[in-house]
Amino acid sequence: MKASVTLTVRLSGTSEGKSLSDVLAPDNEGLPRGMFLSMATRGKVLELVVSASTPSSSLSTVLALLRDITLFQELWLLSRQRGGRVLRT
């Protein structure tokens, strides 16, 4: 059995989409055997397609992506606040 999940993320701008795809790409290289992930940015929309040999693998990967996207959003918003900045350690 194979399971596929498509996740569509609507962004506030094209630069945000580019930054998000740049952040997600390194974490998703060297996927396990039987798993496929594609990412495409079109304007303000980022589309991710996850396909795996089991439904649980597809869902756990999408949940991990959602956690990464949420963290990105928090950092993106913090870095754009007036006087706000992200500290790197």
Protein backbone atom coordinates (compact mmCIF):
# COMPACT_ATOMS: atom_id res chain seq x y z
CA MET A 1 0.00 0.00 0.00
CA LYS A 2 1.22 3.50 -0.81
CA ALA A 3 -0.05 6.72 0.75
CA SER A 4 0.33 10.23 -0.62
CA VAL A 5 -0.34 13.54 1.11
CA THR A 6 -0.33 16.98 -0.51
CA LEU A 7 0.25 19.96 1.77
CA THR A 8 -0.41 23.44 0.40
CA VAL A 9 0.93 26.43 2.33
CA ARG A 10 -0.20 29.94 1.43
CA LEU A 11 2.43 32.53 2.25
CA SER A 12 2.39 36.30 2.64
CA GLY A 13 4.91 36.86 -0.15
CA THR A 14 7.24 35.27 -2.65
CA SER A 15 10.35 35.97 -0.56
CA GLU A 16 8.79 34.09 2.34
CA GLY A 17 8.15 31.11 0.05
CA LYS A 18 11.75 31.09 -1.16
CA SER A 19 13.07 31.32 2.39
CA LEU A 20 10.79 28.54 3.64
CA SER A 21 11.73 26.17 0.84
CA ASP A 22 15.42 26.96 1.46
CA VAL A 23 14.96 26.10 5.14
CA LEU A 24 13.03 22.87 4.53
CA ALA A 25 15.22 21.47 1.74
CA PRO A 26 18.35 20.45 3.71
CA ASP A 27 16.30 18.57 6.35
CA ASN A 28 14.58 16.51 3.69
CA GLU A 29 17.53 15.17 1.72
CA GLY A 30 18.45 11.51 1.90
CA LEU A 31 14.94 10.24 2.58
CA PRO A 32 14.36 6.63 3.61
CA ARG A 33 13.83 4.03 0.92
CA GLY A 34 10.28 4.05 -0.41
CA MET A 35 9.64 7.70 0.50
CA PHE A 36 9.28 10.55 -1.97
CA LEU A 37 9.02 14.28 -1.24
CA SER A 38 8.58 17.04 -3.78
CA MET A 39 8.44 20.75 -3.10
CA ALA A 40 7.31 23.43 -5.54
CA THR A 41 6.91 27.16 -5.01
CA ARG A 42 4.53 29.09 -7.23
CA GLY A 43 4.29 32.72 -6.22
CA LYS A 44 2.83 32.81 -2.72
CA VAL A 45 2.06 29.08 -2.58
CA LEU A 46 4.38 26.29 -1.46
CA GLU A 47 3.18 22.80 -2.30
CA LEU A 48 4.68 19.71 -0.71
CA VAL A 49 3.82 16.18 -1.80
CA VAL A 50 4.82 13.30 0.45
CA SER A 51 4.50 9.72 -0.74
CA ALA A 52 5.51 6.69 1.29
CA SER A 53 4.99 2.96 1.44
CA THR A 54 2.76 3.24 4.52
CA PRO A 55 0.12 5.78 5.59
CA SER A 56 1.81 6.24 8.97
CA SER A 57 5.10 7.20 7.31
CA SER A 58 3.36 9.78 5.13
CA LEU A 59 1.47 11.27 8.06
CA SER A 60 4.46 11.41 10.40
CA THR A 61 6.49 13.16 7.69
CA VAL A 62 3.72 15.72 7.11
CA LEU A 63 3.45 16.33 10.87
CA ALA A 64 7.21 16.94 11.03
CA LEU A 65 6.94 19.35 8.10
CA LEU A 66 4.09 21.21 9.82
CA ARG A 67 6.20 21.58 12.97
CA ASP A 68 9.09 22.96 10.90
CA ILE A 69 6.75 25.35 9.05
CA THR A 70 5.27 26.59 12.35
CA LEU A 71 8.74 27.24 13.77
CA PHE A 72 9.74 29.03 10.55
CA GLN A 73 6.61 31.20 10.77
CA GLU A 74 7.35 32.20 14.36
CA LEU A 75 10.95 33.13 13.53
CA TRP A 76 9.90 34.90 10.31
CA LEU A 77 7.38 37.05 12.18
CA LEU A 78 9.77 37.79 15.05
CA SER A 79 12.53 38.86 12.68
CA ARG A 80 10.18 41.34 10.94
CA GLN A 81 8.89 43.07 14.07
CA ARG A 82 10.12 46.60 14.58
CA GLY A 83 13.19 46.42 16.76
CA GLY A 84 12.99 42.63 16.91
CA ARG A 85 15.88 40.41 16.00
CA VAL A 86 16.77 36.78 16.11
CA LEU A 87 19.79 35.94 18.21
CA ARG A 88 22.06 33.20 16.93
CA THR A 89 24.05 31.12 19.34
